Amino acid sequence: MPDLRVTLGALTLANPVLVAAGTFGYGLEFAATVPLDRLGALITKTLTRQPREGNPPPRLVETPSGLLNSVGLQNAGLDPFLRDTLPALRPAKVPVIVSILGDSEEDVAAMVQRLDREDGVAAIELNLSCPNVNHAAHSSKFDMQSSELHRTSNIEHRTPMVAQDPALTEAMVRAARAKTAKPLIAKLSPDETDLAPRAQAAERAGASALTVGNTFTGMSLDPTTRRSRLGAMTGGLSGPAIRPLAVYRVWYTARSVRLPIIGTGGIVRAEDALEFFLAGASAVAVGTANFADPRTPLRVARGLERYLARQGIASIGQLHGTLQT
């Protein structure tokens, strides 16, 4: 059978289909339905250092071929995850990539240092790009230095996502890299048309791989009430509606860095994943489709295997970046 193994820096995965952060809980919720050891890797729901309650409801709105969410990173915090969840995940034999979000370099460094000591953490993903939380606590020295930071402040007076600013991106990744030798994945925002400066900043700072990208900031308004359909006004758009935008960003970013890329955005079938591999991704992460059927990543992996067999291609790596122009 074709070889589906891929490498993301020092991390080797049995297949290139992961589950995206925030769409599969911490994995244990689906263990009775999905054999976790058949996933390429499990990216956990994003954790913060302290517990978060998340955003006010409503939090989800269906859109044409998509989903708008404003969950706001509700989570129990890092300590309960390490105490209760990670030990229960270890017997599942699935590579666990822990997704984290910090409010400052010091916050990120402290979280990464804790995770570095833990068996069963295969890699760490730095969520630099969630559009559904207040990012106002970024390091003050960058607030003063970055004109881009001030130009993009939104109506709620929130500073922009870390991944929208190359200097902040580099600082956050560098702070994390100083505290771990584990593979480090920087998750970038697709809300930027030109991801190259952000990707290059992450590469300079020591990232092992990139996730390209996240949800797109969007709104859904109710003409009857003249209010947002989301409790937090704005949310992140995901699902098949964003796939062409996401594929473009993977293709564009892959030409500017040497890092492996995890492509994500609207993957439902193997054919969708193949677009990302052709564009230059080394792996893919299934997100919104998990809400409809958490077995989707397994079907995508089987579909990739069948495609390679039909095409006479020995390994998924041979497909990487083979877009014909």
C-alpha atoms as a PDB file:
ATOM      1  CA  MET A   1       0.000   0.000   0.000  1.00  0.00           C
ATOM      2  CA  PRO A   2       1.130   3.596  -0.520  1.00  0.00           C
ATOM      3  CA  ASP A   3       3.154   5.160   2.278  1.00  0.00           C
ATOM      4  CA  LEU A   4       1.199   7.898   4.068  1.00  0.00           C
ATOM      5  CA  ARG A   5       3.919   8.811   6.568  1.00  0.00           C
ATOM      6  CA  VAL A   6       4.911  12.473   6.817  1.00  0.00           C
ATOM      7  CA  THR A   7       7.355  14.472   8.900  1.00  0.00           C
ATOM      8  CA  LEU A   8       6.760  17.834  10.527  1.00  0.00           C
ATOM      9  CA  GLY A   9      10.186  18.863  11.714  1.00  0.00           C
ATOM     10  CA  ALA A  10      11.278  16.105  14.097  1.00  0.00           C
ATOM     11  CA  LEU A  11       7.738  14.722  14.348  1.00  0.00           C
ATOM     12  CA  THR A  12       6.901  11.683  12.202  1.00  0.00           C
ATOM     13  CA  LEU A  13       3.221  10.832  11.691  1.00  0.00           C
ATOM     14  CA  ALA A  14       1.751   7.597  10.353  1.00  0.00           C
ATOM     15  CA  ASN A  15      -0.569   9.563   8.064  1.00  0.00           C
ATOM     16  CA  PRO A  16      -0.977  13.230   7.141  1.00  0.00           C
ATOM     17  CA  VAL A  17      -4.574  13.777   8.326  1.00  0.00           C
ATOM     18  CA  LEU A  18      -4.883  15.581  11.672  1.00  0.00           C
ATOM     19  CA  VAL A  19      -7.862  16.984  13.538  1.00  0.00           C
ATOM     20  CA  ALA A  20      -7.822  20.763  13.908  1.00  0.00           C
ATOM     21  CA  ALA A  21      -7.809  22.509  17.268  1.00  0.00           C
ATOM     22  CA  GLY A  22     -11.215  23.353  18.647  1.00  0.00           C
ATOM     23  CA  THR A  23     -13.138  20.852  16.534  1.00  0.00           C
ATOM     24  CA  PHE A  24     -12.429  17.574  18.317  1.00  0.00           C
ATOM     25  CA  GLY A  25     -12.428  18.604  21.954  1.00  0.00           C
ATOM     26  CA  TYR A  26      -9.508  16.945  23.731  1.00  0.00           C
ATOM     27  CA  GLY A  27     -10.051  13.700  21.844  1.00  0.00           C
ATOM     28  CA  LEU A  28     -11.477  11.666  24.703  1.00  0.00           C
ATOM     29  CA  GLU A  29     -14.985  12.846  23.852  1.00  0.00           C
ATOM     30  CA  PHE A  30     -14.808  10.883  20.574  1.00  0.00           C
ATOM     31  CA  ALA A  31     -12.749   7.869  21.657  1.00  0.00           C
ATOM     32  CA  ALA A  32     -15.799   5.563  21.661  1.00  0.00           C
ATOM     33  CA  THR A  33     -16.588   6.498  18.040  1.00  0.00           C
ATOM     34  CA  VAL A  34     -13.201   7.119  16.435  1.00  0.00           C
ATOM     35  CA  PRO A  35     -10.126   4.892  16.902  1.00  0.00           C
ATOM     36  CA  LEU A  36      -7.777   7.681  17.939  1.00  0.00           C
ATOM     37  CA  ASP A  37      -4.658   5.727  17.014  1.00  0.00           C
ATOM     38  CA  ARG A  38      -5.724   5.878  13.351  1.00  0.00           C
ATOM     39  CA  LEU A  39      -5.511   9.669  13.264  1.00  0.00           C
ATOM     40  CA  GLY A  40      -2.350  11.258  11.968  1.00  0.00           C
ATOM     41  CA  ALA A  41      -2.348  13.384  15.112  1.00  0.00           C
ATOM     42  CA  LEU A  42      -4.765  14.994  17.522  1.00  0.00           C
ATOM     43  CA  ILE A  43      -4.515  18.754  17.997  1.00  0.00           C
ATOM     44  CA  THR A  44      -6.261  19.586  21.232  1.00  0.00           C
ATOM     45  CA  LYS A  45      -8.730  22.353  21.853  1.00  0.00           C
ATOM     46  CA  THR A  46      -6.682  25.475  22.532  1.00  0.00           C
ATOM     47  CA  LEU A  47      -5.647  25.849  26.166  1.00  0.00           C
ATOM     48  CA  THR A  48      -4.910  29.020  28.060  1.00  0.00           C
ATOM     49  CA  ARG A  49      -2.905  29.303  31.263  1.00  0.00           C
ATOM     50  CA  GLN A  50      -5.999  30.133  33.312  1.00  0.00           C
ATOM     51  CA  PRO A  51      -9.567  28.871  32.702  1.00  0.00           C
ATOM     52  CA  ARG A  52     -11.744  30.825  30.244  1.00  0.00           C
ATOM     53  CA  GLU A  53     -15.517  30.924  30.179  1.00  0.00           C
ATOM     54  CA  GLY A  54     -15.612  31.889  26.521  1.00  0.00           C
ATOM     55  CA  ASN A  55     -17.889  34.321  24.739  1.00  0.00           C
ATOM     56  CA  PRO A  56     -21.589  34.968  25.443  1.00  0.00           C
ATOM     57  CA  PRO A  57     -24.154  33.000  23.418  1.00  0.00           C
ATOM     58  CA  PRO A  58     -25.196  32.592  20.699  1.00  0.00           C
ATOM     59  CA  ARG A  59     -21.863  31.155  19.622  1.00  0.00           C
ATOM     60  CA  LEU A  60     -22.618  29.342  16.355  1.00  0.00           C
ATOM     61  CA  VAL A  61     -24.329  30.471  13.150  1.00  0.00           C
ATOM     62  CA  GLU A  62     -24.638  28.410   9.982  1.00  0.00           C
ATOM     63  CA  THR A  63     -23.798  30.232   6.764  1.00  0.00           C
ATOM     64  CA  PRO A  64     -23.896  29.098   3.111  1.00  0.00           C
ATOM     65  CA  SER A  65     -21.393  26.203   2.953  1.00  0.00           C
ATOM     66  CA  GLY A  66     -19.845  27.352   6.218  1.00  0.00           C
ATOM     67  CA  LEU A  67     -20.044  27.890   9.943  1.00  0.00           C
ATOM     68  CA  LEU A  68     -19.491  31.105  11.875  1.00  0.00           C
ATOM     69  CA  ASN A  69     -18.314  30.488  15.431  1.00  0.00           C
ATOM     70  CA  SER A  70     -17.515  32.701  18.395  1.00  0.00           C
ATOM     71  CA  VAL A  71     -16.783  30.218  21.159  1.00  0.00           C
ATOM     72  CA  GLY A  72     -14.020  32.380  22.593  1.00  0.00           C
ATOM     73  CA  LEU A  73     -11.627  29.576  23.581  1.00  0.00           C
ATOM     74  CA  GLN A  74     -13.669  28.261  26.485  1.00  0.00           C
ATOM     75  CA  ASN A  75     -11.380  25.835  28.321  1.00  0.00           C
ATOM     76  CA  ALA A  76     -10.533  24.587  31.805  1.00  0.00           C
ATOM     77  CA  GLY A  77      -6.943  25.840  31.744  1.00  0.00           C
ATOM     78  CA  LEU A  78      -3.560  24.164  31.397  1.00  0.00           C
ATOM     79  CA  ASP A  79      -3.253  22.623  34.872  1.00  0.00           C
ATOM     80  CA  PRO A  80      -6.510  20.613  34.756  1.00  0.00           C
ATOM     81  CA  PHE A  81      -5.592  19.374  31.280  1.00  0.00           C
ATOM     82  CA  LEU A  82      -2.206  18.128  32.461  1.00  0.00           C
ATOM     83  CA  ARG A  83      -3.677  16.587  35.607  1.00  0.00           C
ATOM     84  CA  ASP A  84      -6.823  14.937  34.235  1.00  0.00           C
ATOM     85  CA  THR A  85      -6.885  14.783  30.429  1.00  0.00           C
ATOM     86  CA  LEU A  86      -3.351  14.115  29.231  1.00  0.00           C
ATOM     87  CA  PRO A  87      -2.896  10.959  31.371  1.00  0.00           C
ATOM     88  CA  ALA A  88      -6.145   9.582  29.928  1.00  0.00           C
ATOM     89  CA  LEU A  89      -4.955  10.305  26.381  1.00  0.00           C
ATOM     90  CA  ARG A  90      -1.591   8.536  26.660  1.00  0.00           C
ATOM     91  CA  PRO A  91      -2.998   4.973  26.287  1.00  0.00           C
ATOM     92  CA  ALA A  92      -4.687   5.986  23.006  1.00  0.00           C
ATOM     93  CA  LYS A  93      -1.297   5.921  21.218  1.00  0.00           C
ATOM     94  CA  VAL A  94      -2.130   8.992  19.130  1.00  0.00           C
ATOM     95  CA  PRO A  95       0.415  11.794  18.725  1.00  0.00           C
ATOM     96  CA  VAL A  96      -0.970  14.658  20.821  1.00  0.00           C
ATOM     97  CA  ILE A  97      -0.246  18.200  19.693  1.00  0.00           C
ATOM     98  CA  VAL A  98      -1.254  20.604  22.441  1.00  0.00           C
ATOM     99  CA  SER A  99      -2.617  23.924  21.200  1.00  0.00           C
ATOM    100  CA  ILE A 100      -2.012  26.898  23.475  1.00  0.00           C
ATOM    101  CA  LEU A 101      -2.676  30.631  23.494  1.00  0.00           C
ATOM    102  CA  GLY A 102      -0.826  33.074  25.712  1.00  0.00           C
ATOM    103  CA  ASP A 103      -1.447  36.740  26.396  1.00  0.00           C
ATOM    104  CA  SER A 104       2.244  37.654  26.479  1.00  0.00           C
ATOM    105  CA  GLU A 105       5.693  36.232  25.819  1.00  0.00           C
ATOM    106  CA  GLU A 106       6.028  35.402  29.513  1.00  0.00           C
ATOM    107  CA  ASP A 107       2.681  33.637  29.490  1.00  0.00           C
ATOM    108  CA  VAL A 108       3.620  31.550  26.460  1.00  0.00           C
ATOM    109  CA  ALA A 109       7.045  30.720  27.878  1.00  0.00           C
ATOM    110  CA  ALA A 110       5.551  29.510  31.144  1.00  0.00           C
ATOM    111  CA  MET A 111       3.027  27.261  29.383  1.00  0.00           C
ATOM    112  CA  VAL A 112       5.584  25.796  27.014  1.00  0.00           C
ATOM    113  CA  GLN A 113       7.986  25.099  29.867  1.00  0.00           C
ATOM    114  CA  ARG A 114       5.280  23.067  31.614  1.00  0.00           C
ATOM    115  CA  LEU A 115       4.438  21.122  28.458  1.00  0.00           C
ATOM    116  CA  ASP A 116       8.094  20.420  27.692  1.00  0.00           C
ATOM    117  CA  ARG A 117       8.315  18.217  30.786  1.00  0.00           C
ATOM    118  CA  GLU A 118       5.274  16.120  29.914  1.00  0.00           C
ATOM    119  CA  ASP A 119       5.430  12.656  28.344  1.00  0.00           C
ATOM    120  CA  GLY A 120       2.730  12.220  25.742  1.00  0.00           C
ATOM    121  CA  VAL A 121       3.017  15.725  24.279  1.00  0.00           C
ATOM    122  CA  ALA A 122       4.333  15.141  20.760  1.00  0.00           C
ATOM    123  CA  ALA A 123       4.392  18.818  19.752  1.00  0.00           C
ATOM    124  CA  ILE A 124       3.044  22.230  20.708  1.00  0.00           C
ATOM    125  CA  GLU A 125       0.914  24.445  18.474  1.00  0.00           C
ATOM    126  CA  LEU A 126       0.991  28.169  19.204  1.00  0.00           C
ATOM    127  CA  ASN A 127      -2.432  29.591  18.402  1.00  0.00           C
ATOM    128  CA  LEU A 128      -1.419  33.047  17.222  1.00  0.00           C
ATOM    129  CA  SER A 129      -4.569  33.654  15.234  1.00  0.00           C
ATOM    130  CA  CYS A 130      -7.878  33.045  17.018  1.00  0.00           C
ATOM    131  CA  PRO A 131     -10.297  35.822  15.927  1.00  0.00           C
ATOM    132  CA  ASN A 132     -12.704  35.180  18.806  1.00  0.00           C
ATOM    133  CA  VAL A 133     -10.821  36.481  21.851  1.00  0.00           C
ATOM    134  CA  ASN A 134      -9.626  39.824  23.140  1.00  0.00           C
ATOM    135  CA  HIS A 135      -5.957  40.191  22.297  1.00  0.00           C
ATOM    136  CA  ALA A 136      -5.393  43.366  24.295  1.00  0.00           C
ATOM    137  CA  ALA A 137      -2.786  41.893  26.627  1.00  0.00           C
ATOM    138  CA  HIS A 138       0.091  41.699  24.125  1.00  0.00           C
ATOM    139  CA  SER A 139       3.508  42.798  25.336  1.00  0.00           C
ATOM    140  CA  SER A 140       3.525  46.576  25.776  1.00  0.00           C
ATOM    141  CA  LYS A 141       6.850  47.114  24.029  1.00  0.00           C
ATOM    142  CA  PHE A 142       5.268  46.010  20.766  1.00  0.00           C
ATOM    143  CA  ASP A 143       2.206  48.180  21.351  1.00  0.00           C
ATOM    144  CA  MET A 144       4.565  51.163  21.260  1.00  0.00           C
ATOM    145  CA  GLN A 145       6.721  50.033  18.357  1.00  0.00           C
ATOM    146  CA  SER A 146       4.285  48.603  15.815  1.00  0.00           C
ATOM    147  CA  SER A 147       2.360  51.100  13.728  1.00  0.00           C
ATOM    148  CA  GLU A 148       0.597  48.184  12.045  1.00  0.00           C
ATOM    149  CA  LEU A 149      -0.756  47.164  15.443  1.00  0.00           C
ATOM    150  CA  HIS A 150      -2.487  50.537  15.896  1.00  0.00           C
ATOM    151  CA  ARG A 151      -3.750  50.829  12.322  1.00  0.00           C
ATOM    152  CA  THR A 152      -5.696  47.582  12.559  1.00  0.00           C
ATOM    153  CA  SER A 153      -7.354  48.083  15.960  1.00  0.00           C
ATOM    154  CA  ASN A 154     -11.047  47.243  15.598  1.00  0.00           C
ATOM    155  CA  ILE A 155     -14.206  48.864  16.878  1.00  0.00           C
ATOM    156  CA  GLU A 156     -14.049  46.929  20.148  1.00  0.00           C
ATOM    157  CA  HIS A 157     -10.603  48.430  20.860  1.00  0.00           C
ATOM    158  CA  ARG A 158      -8.920  45.070  20.705  1.00  0.00           C
ATOM    159  CA  THR A 159      -5.386  44.824  19.441  1.00  0.00           C
ATOM    160  CA  PRO A 160      -5.057  42.517  16.423  1.00  0.00           C
ATOM    161  CA  MET A 161      -4.066  38.891  16.502  1.00  0.00           C
ATOM    162  CA  VAL A 162      -0.397  38.125  17.125  1.00  0.00           C
ATOM    163  CA  ALA A 163      -0.135  36.507  13.703  1.00  0.00           C
ATOM    164  CA  GLN A 164      -1.116  39.768  12.017  1.00  0.00           C
ATOM    165  CA  ASP A 165       2.114  41.372  13.194  1.00  0.00           C
ATOM    166  CA  PRO A 166       5.480  39.865  12.150  1.00  0.00           C
ATOM    167  CA  ALA A 167       7.337  41.334  15.147  1.00  0.00           C
ATOM    168  CA  LEU A 168       4.829  39.892  17.616  1.00  0.00           C
ATOM    169  CA  THR A 169       4.847  36.564  15.789  1.00  0.00           C
ATOM    170  CA  GLU A 170       8.618  36.340  15.971  1.00  0.00           C
ATOM    171  CA  ALA A 171       8.683  37.319  19.655  1.00  0.00           C
ATOM    172  CA  MET A 172       6.046  34.785  20.675  1.00  0.00           C
ATOM    173  CA  VAL A 173       7.647  31.913  18.757  1.00  0.00           C
ATOM    174  CA  ARG A 174      11.104  32.821  20.039  1.00  0.00           C
ATOM    175  CA  ALA A 175       9.833  32.887  23.642  1.00  0.00           C
ATOM    176  CA  ALA A 176       8.328  29.434  23.162  1.00  0.00           C
ATOM    177  CA  ARG A 177      11.379  27.997  21.415  1.00  0.00           C
ATOM    178  CA  ALA A 178      13.605  29.046  24.311  1.00  0.00           C
ATOM    179  CA  LYS A 179      11.639  26.737  26.614  1.00  0.00           C
ATOM    180  CA  THR A 180      11.343  23.530  24.588  1.00  0.00           C
ATOM    181  CA  ALA A 181      13.068  21.234  22.157  1.00  0.00           C
ATOM    182  CA  LYS A 182       9.733  19.716  21.132  1.00  0.00           C
ATOM    183  CA  PRO A 183       8.379  20.445  17.645  1.00  0.00           C
ATOM    184  CA  LEU A 184       6.760  23.874  17.648  1.00  0.00           C
ATOM    185  CA  ILE A 185       3.968  24.755  15.210  1.00  0.00           C
ATOM    186  CA  ALA A 186       2.940  28.374  14.603  1.00  0.00           C
ATOM    187  CA  LYS A 187      -0.725  28.765  13.628  1.00  0.00           C
ATOM    188  CA  LEU A 188      -1.102  31.781  11.350  1.00  0.00           C
ATOM    189  CA  SER A 189      -4.123  33.887  10.478  1.00  0.00           C
ATOM    190  CA  PRO A 190      -5.671  33.658   6.999  1.00  0.00           C
ATOM    191  CA  ASP A 191      -7.058  37.171   7.467  1.00  0.00           C
ATOM    192  CA  GLU A 192      -3.823  38.420   5.885  1.00  0.00           C
ATOM    193  CA  THR A 193      -3.521  38.166   2.109  1.00  0.00           C
ATOM    194  CA  ASP A 194       0.286  38.207   2.330  1.00  0.00           C
ATOM    195  CA  LEU A 195       1.292  35.653   4.933  1.00  0.00           C
ATOM    196  CA  ALA A 196       4.929  35.570   3.823  1.00  0.00           C
ATOM    197  CA  PRO A 197       6.320  38.107   6.355  1.00  0.00           C
ATOM    198  CA  ARG A 198       4.505  36.370   9.217  1.00  0.00           C
ATOM    199  CA  ALA A 199       5.615  32.917   8.093  1.00  0.00           C
ATOM    200  CA  GLN A 200       9.205  34.071   7.675  1.00  0.00           C
ATOM    201  CA  ALA A 201       9.130  35.637  11.142  1.00  0.00           C
ATOM    202  CA  ALA A 202       7.993  32.330  12.642  1.00  0.00           C
ATOM    203  CA  GLU A 203      10.709  30.496  10.732  1.00  0.00           C
ATOM    204  CA  ARG A 204      13.433  32.871  11.966  1.00  0.00           C
ATOM    205  CA  ALA A 205      12.254  32.413  15.540  1.00  0.00           C
ATOM    206  CA  GLY A 206      12.557  28.635  15.424  1.00  0.00           C
ATOM    207  CA  ALA A 207       9.166  27.246  14.446  1.00  0.00           C
ATOM    208  CA  SER A 208       9.275  23.653  13.240  1.00  0.00           C
ATOM    209  CA  ALA A 209       6.142  23.940  11.090  1.00  0.00           C
ATOM    210  CA  LEU A 210       3.237  26.232  10.285  1.00  0.00           C
ATOM    211  CA  THR A 211      -0.515  25.774  10.362  1.00  0.00           C
ATOM    212  CA  VAL A 212      -2.116  27.765   7.541  1.00  0.00           C
ATOM    213  CA  GLY A 213      -4.473  28.907   8.706  1.00  0.00           C
ATOM    214  CA  ASN A 214      -7.445  29.530  10.958  1.00  0.00           C
ATOM    215  CA  THR A 215     -10.962  30.880  10.549  1.00  0.00           C
ATOM    216  CA  PHE A 216     -11.685  34.140   8.714  1.00  0.00           C
ATOM    217  CA  THR A 217     -13.219  36.945  10.752  1.00  0.00           C
ATOM    218  CA  GLY A 218     -16.839  37.481   9.731  1.00  0.00           C
ATOM    219  CA  MET A 219     -20.304  38.607  10.772  1.00  0.00           C
ATOM    220  CA  SER A 220     -23.905  37.514  10.345  1.00  0.00           C
ATOM    221  CA  LEU A 221     -26.627  40.099  10.969  1.00  0.00           C
ATOM    222  CA  ASP A 222     -30.328  39.660  11.591  1.00  0.00           C
ATOM    223  CA  PRO A 223     -32.350  42.293   9.641  1.00  0.00           C
ATOM    224  CA  THR A 224     -35.356  41.753  11.907  1.00  0.00           C
ATOM    225  CA  THR A 225     -33.585  42.596  15.153  1.00  0.00           C
ATOM    226  CA  ARG A 226     -30.806  44.650  13.522  1.00  0.00           C
ATOM    227  CA  ARG A 227     -28.367  42.805  15.722  1.00  0.00           C
ATOM    228  CA  SER A 228     -25.558  40.357  15.231  1.00  0.00           C
ATOM    229  CA  ARG A 229     -26.566  36.711  15.278  1.00  0.00           C
ATOM    230  CA  LEU A 230     -23.526  36.109  17.510  1.00  0.00           C
ATOM    231  CA  GLY A 231     -23.327  37.204  21.107  1.00  0.00           C
ATOM    232  CA  ALA A 232     -19.816  38.568  20.616  1.00  0.00           C
ATOM    233  CA  MET A 233     -20.701  40.478  17.420  1.00  0.00           C
ATOM    234  CA  THR A 234     -18.050  38.842  15.202  1.00  0.00           C
ATOM    235  CA  GLY A 235     -16.835  35.285  14.751  1.00  0.00           C
ATOM    236  CA  GLY A 236     -14.632  33.024  12.687  1.00  0.00           C
ATOM    237  CA  LEU A 237     -15.864  31.574   9.387  1.00  0.00           C
ATOM    238  CA  SER A 238     -14.885  27.998   8.545  1.00  0.00           C
ATOM    239  CA  GLY A 239     -16.101  25.155   6.354  1.00  0.00           C
ATOM    240  CA  PRO A 240     -16.071  24.476   2.590  1.00  0.00           C
ATOM    241  CA  ALA A 241     -16.847  28.134   1.839  1.00  0.00           C
ATOM    242  CA  ILE A 242     -13.284  29.128   2.766  1.00  0.00           C
ATOM    243  CA  ARG A 243     -11.386  26.278   1.062  1.00  0.00           C
ATOM    244  CA  PRO A 244     -10.336  28.174  -2.108  1.00  0.00           C
ATOM    245  CA  LEU A 245      -9.032  31.014   0.074  1.00  0.00           C
ATOM    246  CA  ALA A 246      -7.162  28.592   2.315  1.00  0.00           C
ATOM    247  CA  VAL A 247      -5.608  26.658  -0.582  1.00  0.00           C
ATOM    248  CA  TYR A 248      -4.335  29.906  -2.064  1.00  0.00           C
ATOM    249  CA  ARG A 249      -2.726  30.914   1.229  1.00  0.00           C
ATOM    250  CA  VAL A 250      -0.971  27.559   1.554  1.00  0.00           C
ATOM    251  CA  TRP A 251       0.352  27.834  -2.006  1.00  0.00           C
ATOM    252  CA  TYR A 252       1.500  31.415  -1.521  1.00  0.00           C
ATOM    253  CA  THR A 253       3.102  30.778   1.877  1.00  0.00           C
ATOM    254  CA  ALA A 254       4.846  27.562   0.834  1.00  0.00           C
ATOM    255  CA  ARG A 255       6.872  29.521  -1.708  1.00  0.00           C
ATOM    256  CA  SER A 256       8.313  31.825   0.962  1.00  0.00           C
ATOM    257  CA  VAL A 257       9.523  29.401   3.662  1.00  0.00           C
ATOM    258  CA  ARG A 258      11.231  26.027   4.009  1.00  0.00           C
ATOM    259  CA  LEU A 259       9.001  24.891   6.860  1.00  0.00           C
ATOM    260  CA  PRO A 260       6.426  22.107   6.455  1.00  0.00           C
ATOM    261  CA  ILE A 261       2.857  23.403   6.379  1.00  0.00           C
ATOM    262  CA  ILE A 262      -0.325  21.933   7.820  1.00  0.00           C
ATOM    263  CA  GLY A 263      -3.108  23.082   5.513  1.00  0.00           C
ATOM    264  CA  THR A 264      -6.596  23.551   6.882  1.00  0.00           C
ATOM    265  CA  GLY A 265      -9.861  25.034   5.700  1.00  0.00           C
ATOM    266  CA  GLY A 266     -13.002  23.293   4.487  1.00  0.00           C
ATOM    267  CA  ILE A 267     -11.671  19.754   4.072  1.00  0.00           C
ATOM    268  CA  VAL A 268     -14.501  17.235   3.837  1.00  0.00           C
ATOM    269  CA  ARG A 269     -13.225  14.662   1.295  1.00  0.00           C
ATOM    270  CA  ALA A 270      -9.882  13.291   0.149  1.00  0.00           C
ATOM    271  CA  GLU A 271     -10.202  15.397  -3.001  1.00  0.00           C
ATOM    272  CA  ASP A 272     -10.255  18.511  -0.820  1.00  0.00           C
ATOM    273  CA  ALA A 273      -7.110  17.423   1.017  1.00  0.00           C
ATOM    274  CA  LEU A 274      -5.355  16.715  -2.269  1.00  0.00           C
ATOM    275  CA  GLU A 275      -5.697  20.375  -3.229  1.00  0.00           C
ATOM    276  CA  PHE A 276      -3.662  21.334  -0.180  1.00  0.00           C
ATOM    277  CA  PHE A 277      -0.937  18.777  -0.908  1.00  0.00           C
ATOM    278  CA  LEU A 278      -0.639  19.970  -4.491  1.00  0.00           C
ATOM    279  CA  ALA A 279      -0.387  23.553  -3.224  1.00  0.00           C
ATOM    280  CA  GLY A 280       2.538  22.670  -0.958  1.00  0.00           C
ATOM    281  CA  ALA A 281       1.137  21.366   2.335  1.00  0.00           C
ATOM    282  CA  SER A 282       2.887  18.448   4.030  1.00  0.00           C
ATOM    283  CA  ALA A 283      -0.185  17.548   6.119  1.00  0.00           C
ATOM    284  CA  VAL A 284      -3.792  18.648   6.538  1.00  0.00           C
ATOM    285  CA  ALA A 285      -6.124  19.203   9.475  1.00  0.00           C
ATOM    286  CA  VAL A 286      -9.859  18.500   9.314  1.00  0.00           C
ATOM    287  CA  GLY A 287     -11.944  20.973  11.288  1.00  0.00           C
ATOM    288  CA  THR A 288     -15.598  21.891  10.805  1.00  0.00           C
ATOM    289  CA  ALA A 289     -16.438  18.567   9.136  1.00  0.00           C
ATOM    290  CA  ASN A 290     -15.842  16.881  12.506  1.00  0.00           C
ATOM    291  CA  PHE A 291     -18.996  18.517  13.844  1.00  0.00           C
ATOM    292  CA  ALA A 292     -21.070  16.670  11.250  1.00  0.00           C
ATOM    293  CA  ASP A 293     -19.132  13.393  11.432  1.00  0.00           C
ATOM    294  CA  PRO A 294     -16.028  12.908  13.622  1.00  0.00           C
ATOM    295  CA  ARG A 295     -15.003   9.975  11.430  1.00  0.00           C
ATOM    296  CA  THR A 296     -14.299  12.341   8.532  1.00  0.00           C
ATOM    297  CA  PRO A 297     -10.490  12.360   9.080  1.00  0.00           C
ATOM    298  CA  LEU A 298     -10.394   8.562   8.785  1.00  0.00           C
ATOM    299  CA  ARG A 299     -12.357   8.663   5.528  1.00  0.00           C
ATOM    300  CA  VAL A 300     -10.049  11.357   4.171  1.00  0.00           C
ATOM    301  CA  ALA A 301      -6.981   9.238   4.997  1.00  0.00           C
ATOM    302  CA  ARG A 302      -8.479   6.162   3.316  1.00  0.00           C
ATOM    303  CA  GLY A 303      -9.363   8.256   0.278  1.00  0.00           C
ATOM    304  CA  LEU A 304      -5.798   9.529   0.014  1.00  0.00           C
ATOM    305  CA  GLU A 305      -4.496   5.970   0.144  1.00  0.00           C
ATOM    306  CA  ARG A 306      -6.846   4.900  -2.654  1.00  0.00           C
ATOM    307  CA  TYR A 307      -5.911   7.906  -4.784  1.00  0.00           C
ATOM    308  CA  LEU A 308      -2.186   7.185  -4.474  1.00  0.00           C
ATOM    309  CA  ALA A 309      -2.757   3.525  -5.355  1.00  0.00           C
ATOM    310  CA  ARG A 310      -4.792   4.446  -8.461  1.00  0.00           C
ATOM    311  CA  GLN A 311      -2.163   6.932  -9.573  1.00  0.00           C
ATOM    312  CA  GLY A 312       0.732   4.555  -8.941  1.00  0.00           C
ATOM    313  CA  ILE A 313       2.296   6.993  -6.468  1.00  0.00           C
ATOM    314  CA  ALA A 314       4.376   5.293  -3.791  1.00  0.00           C
ATOM    315  CA  SER A 315       4.093   7.889  -1.029  1.00  0.00           C
ATOM    316  CA  ILE A 316       2.159  10.996  -0.127  1.00  0.00           C
ATOM    317  CA  GLY A 317       5.417  12.931  -0.027  1.00  0.00           C
ATOM    318  CA  GLN A 318       5.762  12.548  -3.791  1.00  0.00           C
ATOM    319  CA  LEU A 319       2.591  14.621  -4.200  1.00  0.00           C
ATOM    320  CA  HIS A 320       3.872  17.517  -2.121  1.00  0.00           C
ATOM    321  CA  GLY A 321       3.933  20.793  -4.042  1.00  0.00           C
ATOM    322  CA  THR A 322       3.432  19.197  -7.447  1.00  0.00           C
ATOM    323  CA  LEU A 323       0.992  21.782  -8.808  1.00  0.00           C
ATOM    324  CA  GLN A 324       1.505  22.101 -12.556  1.00  0.00           C
ATOM    325  CA  THR A 325       1.761  25.649 -13.911  1.00  0.00           C
END
